[in-house]
Amino acid sequence: MYFFLSQLSFIDIFLTTITVPQMLVHILSVSKTISFNHCMLQLFFFMAVGSMEGHLLAAMAYDRYVAICDPLRYSAIISHRFCLRITLTSWVVVSLNSLLYSMLVARLTFCGNQVTHFFCDITPLLKLSCTRPVVNEMLIFTEVVSPFFFILGSYARIGVAIVHMHSVAALHKALSTCSSHILVVLLLYGSVIHMYLRPSSSYDLDQDCQVAIFYTVVTPMLTP
């Protein structure tokens, strides 16, 4: 459990490092420009780190499922080796996905060069596309929904286990184990689903900037 928490803290620091410095530069400077290569590089790291956060939250949901539903085998299942394998595999997967996505975005035909955002986020770049980027939208949908459905499945099974608990102490312990994780999941996926799981034609860039600040600055501050 603590291994995944430490990784999540690292991810949140990394995510803030990717977005906040560029935002501060644009606030303090007169020339608010960014090169195309720098923009694609920022998009790659943002996609990789943001996706990794979803994978870690899914791993933490499974960790809590084992702790509540199979506590006697917890140490055998959630071993340090298992945590390392999950983390390294997730990094490889999200890096490849982010590389593919960045390459697809770089090949789009853009109808403008003004990014209405404080960093090179997905939505403002797709908004600049001259055609609807269907493949990009499908990749975003898959990347966001897959970990979220895994989390929902884990908590569905945890919910079934909690319903059958007869001890008040065990019930309280189970709820306290899951409460902070559920809060972070709701805050993160509430904003991410609002941002990315809709057609690019319906993007509201002014509103999206406010939501982006929430999940790039506020949510990382709430992580233990």
C-alpha atoms as a PDB file:
ATOM      1  CA  MET A   1       0.000   0.000   0.000  1.00  0.00           C
ATOM      2  CA  TYR A   2       2.767   2.445   0.959  1.00  0.00           C
ATOM      3  CA  PHE A   3       4.751   1.597  -2.176  1.00  0.00           C
ATOM      4  CA  PHE A   4       1.895   2.752  -4.413  1.00  0.00           C
ATOM      5  CA  LEU A   5       1.386   5.857  -2.259  1.00  0.00           C
ATOM      6  CA  SER A   6       5.033   6.831  -2.698  1.00  0.00           C
ATOM      7  CA  GLN A   7       4.751   6.306  -6.459  1.00  0.00           C
ATOM      8  CA  LEU A   8       1.569   8.389  -6.597  1.00  0.00           C
ATOM      9  CA  SER A   9       3.286  11.221  -4.712  1.00  0.00           C
ATOM     10  CA  PHE A  10       6.164  11.110  -7.203  1.00  0.00           C
ATOM     11  CA  ILE A  11       3.684  11.183 -10.110  1.00  0.00           C
ATOM     12  CA  ASP A  12       1.875  14.213  -8.684  1.00  0.00           C
ATOM     13  CA  ILE A  13       5.155  16.105  -8.234  1.00  0.00           C
ATOM     14  CA  PHE A  14       6.165  15.174 -11.784  1.00  0.00           C
ATOM     15  CA  LEU A  15       2.780  16.286 -13.171  1.00  0.00           C
ATOM     16  CA  THR A  16       3.031  19.662 -11.444  1.00  0.00           C
ATOM     17  CA  THR A  17       6.595  20.092 -12.732  1.00  0.00           C
ATOM     18  CA  ILE A  18       5.418  19.521 -16.307  1.00  0.00           C
ATOM     19  CA  THR A  19       2.612  22.094 -16.269  1.00  0.00           C
ATOM     20  CA  VAL A  20       3.161  24.778 -13.617  1.00  0.00           C
ATOM     21  CA  PRO A  21       6.564  26.222 -14.747  1.00  0.00           C
ATOM     22  CA  GLN A  22       5.227  26.888 -18.260  1.00  0.00           C
ATOM     23  CA  MET A  23       2.149  28.523 -16.766  1.00  0.00           C
ATOM     24  CA  LEU A  24       4.292  30.806 -14.579  1.00  0.00           C
ATOM     25  CA  VAL A  25       6.501  31.746 -17.542  1.00  0.00           C
ATOM     26  CA  HIS A  26       3.456  32.791 -19.564  1.00  0.00           C
ATOM     27  CA  ILE A  27       2.035  34.766 -16.645  1.00  0.00           C
ATOM     28  CA  LEU A  28       5.270  36.689 -16.035  1.00  0.00           C
ATOM     29  CA  SER A  29       6.472  37.207 -19.614  1.00  0.00           C
ATOM     30  CA  VAL A  30       5.130  39.387 -22.409  1.00  0.00           C
ATOM     31  CA  SER A  31       5.817  36.827 -25.149  1.00  0.00           C
ATOM     32  CA  LYS A  32       3.549  33.852 -24.488  1.00  0.00           C
ATOM     33  CA  THR A  33       4.944  31.462 -27.097  1.00  0.00           C
ATOM     34  CA  ILE A  34       6.035  27.832 -27.181  1.00  0.00           C
ATOM     35  CA  SER A  35       7.745  25.975 -30.018  1.00  0.00           C
ATOM     36  CA  PHE A  36       5.967  23.090 -31.751  1.00  0.00           C
ATOM     37  CA  ASN A  37       8.606  20.559 -30.646  1.00  0.00           C
ATOM     38  CA  HIS A  38       8.449  21.783 -27.056  1.00  0.00           C
ATOM     39  CA  CYS A  39       4.656  21.565 -27.183  1.00  0.00           C
ATOM     40  CA  MET A  40       4.745  17.951 -28.436  1.00  0.00           C
ATOM     41  CA  LEU A  41       7.315  17.050 -25.775  1.00  0.00           C
ATOM     42  CA  GLN A  42       5.144  18.558 -23.062  1.00  0.00           C
ATOM     43  CA  LEU A  43       2.112  16.699 -24.442  1.00  0.00           C
ATOM     44  CA  PHE A  44       4.015  13.391 -24.374  1.00  0.00           C
ATOM     45  CA  PHE A  45       5.107  13.750 -20.743  1.00  0.00           C
ATOM     46  CA  PHE A  46       1.704  15.033 -19.657  1.00  0.00           C
ATOM     47  CA  MET A  47      -0.049  12.085 -21.324  1.00  0.00           C
ATOM     48  CA  ALA A  48       2.410   9.565 -19.870  1.00  0.00           C
ATOM     49  CA  VAL A  49       2.319  10.917 -16.324  1.00  0.00           C
ATOM     50  CA  GLY A  50      -1.438  11.535 -16.340  1.00  0.00           C
ATOM     51  CA  SER A  51      -2.122   8.015 -17.634  1.00  0.00           C
ATOM     52  CA  MET A  52       0.288   6.577 -15.087  1.00  0.00           C
ATOM     53  CA  GLU A  53      -1.705   8.214 -12.313  1.00  0.00           C
ATOM     54  CA  GLY A  54      -4.804   6.359 -13.506  1.00  0.00           C
ATOM     55  CA  HIS A  55      -2.895   3.062 -13.579  1.00  0.00           C
ATOM     56  CA  LEU A  56      -1.575   3.627 -10.060  1.00  0.00           C
ATOM     57  CA  LEU A  57      -5.051   4.418  -8.751  1.00  0.00           C
ATOM     58  CA  ALA A  58      -6.259   1.169 -10.342  1.00  0.00           C
ATOM     59  CA  ALA A  59      -3.405  -0.735  -8.680  1.00  0.00           C
ATOM     60  CA  MET A  60      -4.280   0.878  -5.347  1.00  0.00           C
ATOM     61  CA  ALA A  61      -7.924  -0.173  -5.804  1.00  0.00           C
ATOM     62  CA  TYR A  62      -6.769  -3.772  -6.289  1.00  0.00           C
ATOM     63  CA  ASP A  63      -4.514  -3.400  -3.241  1.00  0.00           C
ATOM     64  CA  ARG A  64      -7.508  -2.390  -1.131  1.00  0.00           C
ATOM     65  CA  TYR A  65      -9.609  -5.191  -2.601  1.00  0.00           C
ATOM     66  CA  VAL A  66      -7.041  -7.783  -1.486  1.00  0.00           C
ATOM     67  CA  ALA A  67      -6.635  -6.118   1.933  1.00  0.00           C
ATOM     68  CA  ILE A  68     -10.395  -6.270   2.609  1.00  0.00           C
ATOM     69  CA  CYS A  69     -11.505  -9.411   0.754  1.00  0.00           C
ATOM     70  CA  ASP A  70      -8.450 -11.650   1.238  1.00  0.00           C
ATOM     71  CA  PRO A  71      -6.489 -10.222   4.200  1.00  0.00           C
ATOM     72  CA  LEU A  72      -4.784 -13.495   5.177  1.00  0.00           C
ATOM     73  CA  ARG A  73      -3.046 -13.710   1.792  1.00  0.00           C
ATOM     74  CA  TYR A  74      -2.338  -9.983   1.465  1.00  0.00           C
ATOM     75  CA  SER A  75       1.415 -10.234   2.103  1.00  0.00           C
ATOM     76  CA  ALA A  76       1.752 -13.118  -0.340  1.00  0.00           C
ATOM     77  CA  ILE A  77      -0.217 -11.417  -3.135  1.00  0.00           C
ATOM     78  CA  ILE A  78       0.843  -7.764  -2.747  1.00  0.00           C
ATOM     79  CA  SER A  79       4.558  -8.437  -2.477  1.00  0.00           C
ATOM     80  CA  HIS A  80       7.255  -5.869  -3.201  1.00  0.00           C
ATOM     81  CA  ARG A  81       8.136  -7.770  -6.383  1.00  0.00           C
ATOM     82  CA  PHE A  82       4.503  -7.661  -7.517  1.00  0.00           C
ATOM     83  CA  CYS A  83       4.335  -3.893  -6.927  1.00  0.00           C
ATOM     84  CA  LEU A  84       7.533  -3.333  -8.903  1.00  0.00           C
ATOM     85  CA  ARG A  85       6.293  -5.444 -11.815  1.00  0.00           C
ATOM     86  CA  ILE A  86       2.957  -3.613 -11.920  1.00  0.00           C
ATOM     87  CA  THR A  87       4.666  -0.210 -11.807  1.00  0.00           C
ATOM     88  CA  LEU A  88       7.302  -0.972 -14.450  1.00  0.00           C
ATOM     89  CA  THR A  89       4.754  -2.591 -16.784  1.00  0.00           C
ATOM     90  CA  SER A  90       2.458   0.411 -16.414  1.00  0.00           C
ATOM     91  CA  TRP A  91       5.294   2.818 -17.218  1.00  0.00           C
ATOM     92  CA  VAL A  92       6.108   0.905 -20.415  1.00  0.00           C
ATOM     93  CA  VAL A  93       2.448   0.805 -21.500  1.00  0.00           C
ATOM     94  CA  VAL A  94       1.708   4.493 -20.841  1.00  0.00           C
ATOM     95  CA  SER A  95       4.977   5.600 -22.462  1.00  0.00           C
ATOM     96  CA  LEU A  96       4.210   3.687 -25.667  1.00  0.00           C
ATOM     97  CA  ASN A  97       0.618   4.945 -25.709  1.00  0.00           C
ATOM     98  CA  SER A  98       1.754   8.532 -25.142  1.00  0.00           C
ATOM     99  CA  LEU A  99       4.375   8.266 -27.878  1.00  0.00           C
ATOM    100  CA  LEU A 100       1.758   6.963 -30.319  1.00  0.00           C
ATOM    101  CA  TYR A 101      -0.702   9.679 -29.330  1.00  0.00           C
ATOM    102  CA  SER A 102       1.886  12.474 -29.636  1.00  0.00           C
ATOM    103  CA  MET A 103       2.854  11.231 -33.100  1.00  0.00           C
ATOM    104  CA  LEU A 104      -0.805  11.205 -34.177  1.00  0.00           C
ATOM    105  CA  VAL A 105      -1.302  14.756 -32.886  1.00  0.00           C
ATOM    106  CA  ALA A 106       1.876  15.933 -34.642  1.00  0.00           C
ATOM    107  CA  ARG A 107       0.493  14.624 -37.956  1.00  0.00           C
ATOM    108  CA  LEU A 108      -2.791  16.549 -37.658  1.00  0.00           C
ATOM    109  CA  THR A 109      -3.481  19.531 -39.907  1.00  0.00           C
ATOM    110  CA  PHE A 110      -4.040  22.584 -37.709  1.00  0.00           C
ATOM    111  CA  CYS A 111      -6.183  25.577 -38.660  1.00  0.00           C
ATOM    112  CA  GLY A 112      -4.428  27.949 -36.264  1.00  0.00           C
ATOM    113  CA  ASN A 113      -1.409  28.364 -34.027  1.00  0.00           C
ATOM    114  CA  GLN A 114      -2.894  29.890 -30.860  1.00  0.00           C
ATOM    115  CA  VAL A 115      -3.294  27.415 -27.991  1.00  0.00           C
ATOM    116  CA  THR A 116      -5.967  28.777 -25.643  1.00  0.00           C
ATOM    117  CA  HIS A 117      -4.528  27.169 -22.544  1.00  0.00           C
ATOM    118  CA  PHE A 118      -1.696  27.514 -20.034  1.00  0.00           C
ATOM    119  CA  PHE A 119       0.104  24.404 -21.360  1.00  0.00           C
ATOM    120  CA  CYS A 120      -0.120  22.021 -24.335  1.00  0.00           C
ATOM    121  CA  ASP A 121      -3.082  20.004 -23.150  1.00  0.00           C
ATOM    122  CA  ILE A 122      -4.987  17.535 -25.306  1.00  0.00           C
ATOM    123  CA  THR A 123      -8.247  19.434 -25.744  1.00  0.00           C
ATOM    124  CA  PRO A 124      -6.924  22.780 -27.055  1.00  0.00           C
ATOM    125  CA  LEU A 125      -4.682  20.993 -29.560  1.00  0.00           C
ATOM    126  CA  LEU A 126      -7.545  18.871 -30.887  1.00  0.00           C
ATOM    127  CA  LYS A 127      -9.691  22.013 -31.053  1.00  0.00           C
ATOM    128  CA  LEU A 128      -7.168  23.476 -33.518  1.00  0.00           C
ATOM    129  CA  SER A 129      -7.457  20.471 -35.842  1.00  0.00           C
ATOM    130  CA  CYS A 130      -9.080  21.178 -39.216  1.00  0.00           C
ATOM    131  CA  THR A 131     -10.817  17.779 -39.149  1.00  0.00           C
ATOM    132  CA  ARG A 132     -12.373  15.793 -36.333  1.00  0.00           C
ATOM    133  CA  PRO A 133      -9.562  13.639 -34.859  1.00  0.00           C
ATOM    134  CA  VAL A 134     -11.617  10.460 -34.360  1.00  0.00           C
ATOM    135  CA  VAL A 135      -8.621   8.168 -33.754  1.00  0.00           C
ATOM    136  CA  ASN A 136      -7.215  10.528 -31.122  1.00  0.00           C
ATOM    137  CA  GLU A 137     -10.564  10.697 -29.353  1.00  0.00           C
ATOM    138  CA  MET A 138     -10.815   6.887 -29.327  1.00  0.00           C
ATOM    139  CA  LEU A 139      -7.332   6.578 -27.823  1.00  0.00           C
ATOM    140  CA  ILE A 140      -8.195   9.100 -25.105  1.00  0.00           C
ATOM    141  CA  PHE A 141     -11.412   7.229 -24.344  1.00  0.00           C
ATOM    142  CA  THR A 142      -9.558   3.918 -23.994  1.00  0.00           C
ATOM    143  CA  GLU A 143      -6.799   5.390 -21.849  1.00  0.00           C
ATOM    144  CA  VAL A 144      -9.230   7.081 -19.454  1.00  0.00           C
ATOM    145  CA  VAL A 145     -11.937   4.426 -19.249  1.00  0.00           C
ATOM    146  CA  SER A 146      -9.803   1.274 -18.843  1.00  0.00           C
ATOM    147  CA  PRO A 147      -8.337   2.085 -15.388  1.00  0.00           C
ATOM    148  CA  PHE A 148     -11.621   3.654 -14.276  1.00  0.00           C
ATOM    149  CA  PHE A 149     -13.618   0.501 -15.056  1.00  0.00           C
ATOM    150  CA  PHE A 150     -11.017  -1.589 -13.227  1.00  0.00           C
ATOM    151  CA  ILE A 151     -11.397   0.671 -10.185  1.00  0.00           C
ATOM    152  CA  LEU A 152     -15.188   0.372 -10.359  1.00  0.00           C
ATOM    153  CA  GLY A 153     -14.921  -3.414 -10.568  1.00  0.00           C
ATOM    154  CA  SER A 154     -12.610  -3.567  -7.550  1.00  0.00           C
ATOM    155  CA  TYR A 155     -14.901  -1.395  -5.454  1.00  0.00           C
ATOM    156  CA  ALA A 156     -17.966  -3.357  -6.545  1.00  0.00           C
ATOM    157  CA  ARG A 157     -16.393  -6.483  -5.060  1.00  0.00           C
ATOM    158  CA  ILE A 158     -15.307  -4.537  -1.977  1.00  0.00           C
ATOM    159  CA  GLY A 159     -18.886  -3.316  -1.597  1.00  0.00           C
ATOM    160  CA  VAL A 160     -20.185  -6.889  -1.687  1.00  0.00           C
ATOM    161  CA  ALA A 161     -17.664  -7.862   0.996  1.00  0.00           C
ATOM    162  CA  ILE A 162     -18.638  -4.890   3.185  1.00  0.00           C
ATOM    163  CA  VAL A 163     -22.344  -5.776   2.949  1.00  0.00           C
ATOM    164  CA  HIS A 164     -21.593  -9.203   4.420  1.00  0.00           C
ATOM    165  CA  MET A 165     -19.538  -7.830   7.323  1.00  0.00           C
ATOM    166  CA  HIS A 166     -21.136  -8.293  10.748  1.00  0.00           C
ATOM    167  CA  SER A 167     -18.456  -6.573  12.831  1.00  0.00           C
ATOM    168  CA  VAL A 168     -18.748  -2.806  13.271  1.00  0.00           C
ATOM    169  CA  ALA A 169     -14.992  -2.562  13.835  1.00  0.00           C
ATOM    170  CA  ALA A 170     -14.258  -4.421  10.587  1.00  0.00           C
ATOM    171  CA  LEU A 171     -16.734  -2.234   8.712  1.00  0.00           C
ATOM    172  CA  HIS A 172     -15.162   0.951  10.082  1.00  0.00           C
ATOM    173  CA  LYS A 173     -11.673  -0.282   9.208  1.00  0.00           C
ATOM    174  CA  ALA A 174     -12.732  -1.141   5.651  1.00  0.00           C
ATOM    175  CA  LEU A 175     -14.339   2.266   5.110  1.00  0.00           C
ATOM    176  CA  SER A 176     -11.344   4.133   6.537  1.00  0.00           C
ATOM    177  CA  THR A 177      -9.039   2.113   4.273  1.00  0.00           C
ATOM    178  CA  CYS A 178     -10.951   3.136   1.140  1.00  0.00           C
ATOM    179  CA  SER A 179     -12.216   6.651   1.896  1.00  0.00           C
ATOM    180  CA  SER A 180      -9.141   8.697   0.939  1.00  0.00           C
ATOM    181  CA  HIS A 181      -8.586   6.676  -2.230  1.00  0.00           C
ATOM    182  CA  ILE A 182     -12.229   7.059  -3.275  1.00  0.00           C
ATOM    183  CA  LEU A 183     -11.997  10.837  -2.754  1.00  0.00           C
ATOM    184  CA  VAL A 184      -8.928  11.146  -4.994  1.00  0.00           C
ATOM    185  CA  VAL A 185     -10.536   8.921  -7.660  1.00  0.00           C
ATOM    186  CA  LEU A 186     -13.740  10.989  -7.675  1.00  0.00           C
ATOM    187  CA  LEU A 187     -11.886  14.306  -7.877  1.00  0.00           C
ATOM    188  CA  LEU A 188      -9.504  13.156 -10.595  1.00  0.00           C
ATOM    189  CA  TYR A 189     -11.908  11.238 -12.807  1.00  0.00           C
ATOM    190  CA  GLY A 190     -14.693  13.762 -12.340  1.00  0.00           C
ATOM    191  CA  SER A 191     -12.534  16.444 -13.946  1.00  0.00           C
ATOM    192  CA  VAL A 192     -10.826  14.138 -16.471  1.00  0.00           C
ATOM    193  CA  ILE A 193     -14.104  12.675 -17.765  1.00  0.00           C
ATOM    194  CA  HIS A 194     -15.526  16.194 -18.099  1.00  0.00           C
ATOM    195  CA  MET A 195     -12.431  17.284 -20.028  1.00  0.00           C
ATOM    196  CA  TYR A 196     -11.721  14.412 -22.376  1.00  0.00           C
ATOM    197  CA  LEU A 197     -14.719  12.127 -22.854  1.00  0.00           C
ATOM    198  CA  ARG A 198     -16.636  14.318 -25.249  1.00  0.00           C
ATOM    199  CA  PRO A 199     -16.259  15.295 -28.937  1.00  0.00           C
ATOM    200  CA  SER A 200     -13.649  17.946 -29.701  1.00  0.00           C
ATOM    201  CA  SER A 201     -16.374  20.117 -31.282  1.00  0.00           C
ATOM    202  CA  SER A 202     -17.975  20.605 -27.847  1.00  0.00           C
ATOM    203  CA  TYR A 203     -14.833  21.805 -26.053  1.00  0.00           C
ATOM    204  CA  ASP A 204     -15.221  25.014 -24.046  1.00  0.00           C
ATOM    205  CA  LEU A 205     -11.619  26.176 -23.717  1.00  0.00           C
ATOM    206  CA  ASP A 206     -12.261  28.891 -21.111  1.00  0.00           C
ATOM    207  CA  GLN A 207     -14.052  26.446 -18.834  1.00  0.00           C
ATOM    208  CA  ASP A 208     -11.530  23.699 -19.604  1.00  0.00           C
ATOM    209  CA  CYS A 209      -8.680  25.902 -18.359  1.00  0.00           C
ATOM    210  CA  GLN A 210     -10.334  26.099 -14.941  1.00  0.00           C
ATOM    211  CA  VAL A 211     -10.902  22.343 -14.848  1.00  0.00           C
ATOM    212  CA  ALA A 212      -7.295  21.711 -15.932  1.00  0.00           C
ATOM    213  CA  ILE A 213      -5.982  23.813 -13.041  1.00  0.00           C
ATOM    214  CA  PHE A 214      -8.069  21.642 -10.732  1.00  0.00           C
ATOM    215  CA  TYR A 215      -6.594  18.298 -11.804  1.00  0.00           C
ATOM    216  CA  THR A 216      -3.033  19.519 -12.432  1.00  0.00           C
ATOM    217  CA  VAL A 217      -2.633  21.622  -9.266  1.00  0.00           C
ATOM    218  CA  VAL A 218      -5.432  21.000  -6.746  1.00  0.00           C
ATOM    219  CA  THR A 219      -5.751  17.197  -6.959  1.00  0.00           C
ATOM    220  CA  PRO A 220      -1.971  16.555  -6.566  1.00  0.00           C
ATOM    221  CA  MET A 221      -2.008  18.694  -3.404  1.00  0.00           C
ATOM    222  CA  LEU A 222      -4.603  16.335  -1.865  1.00  0.00           C
ATOM    223  CA  THR A 223      -2.483  13.213  -2.366  1.00  0.00           C
ATOM    224  CA  PRO A 224      -0.875  11.983   0.870  1.00  0.00           C
END
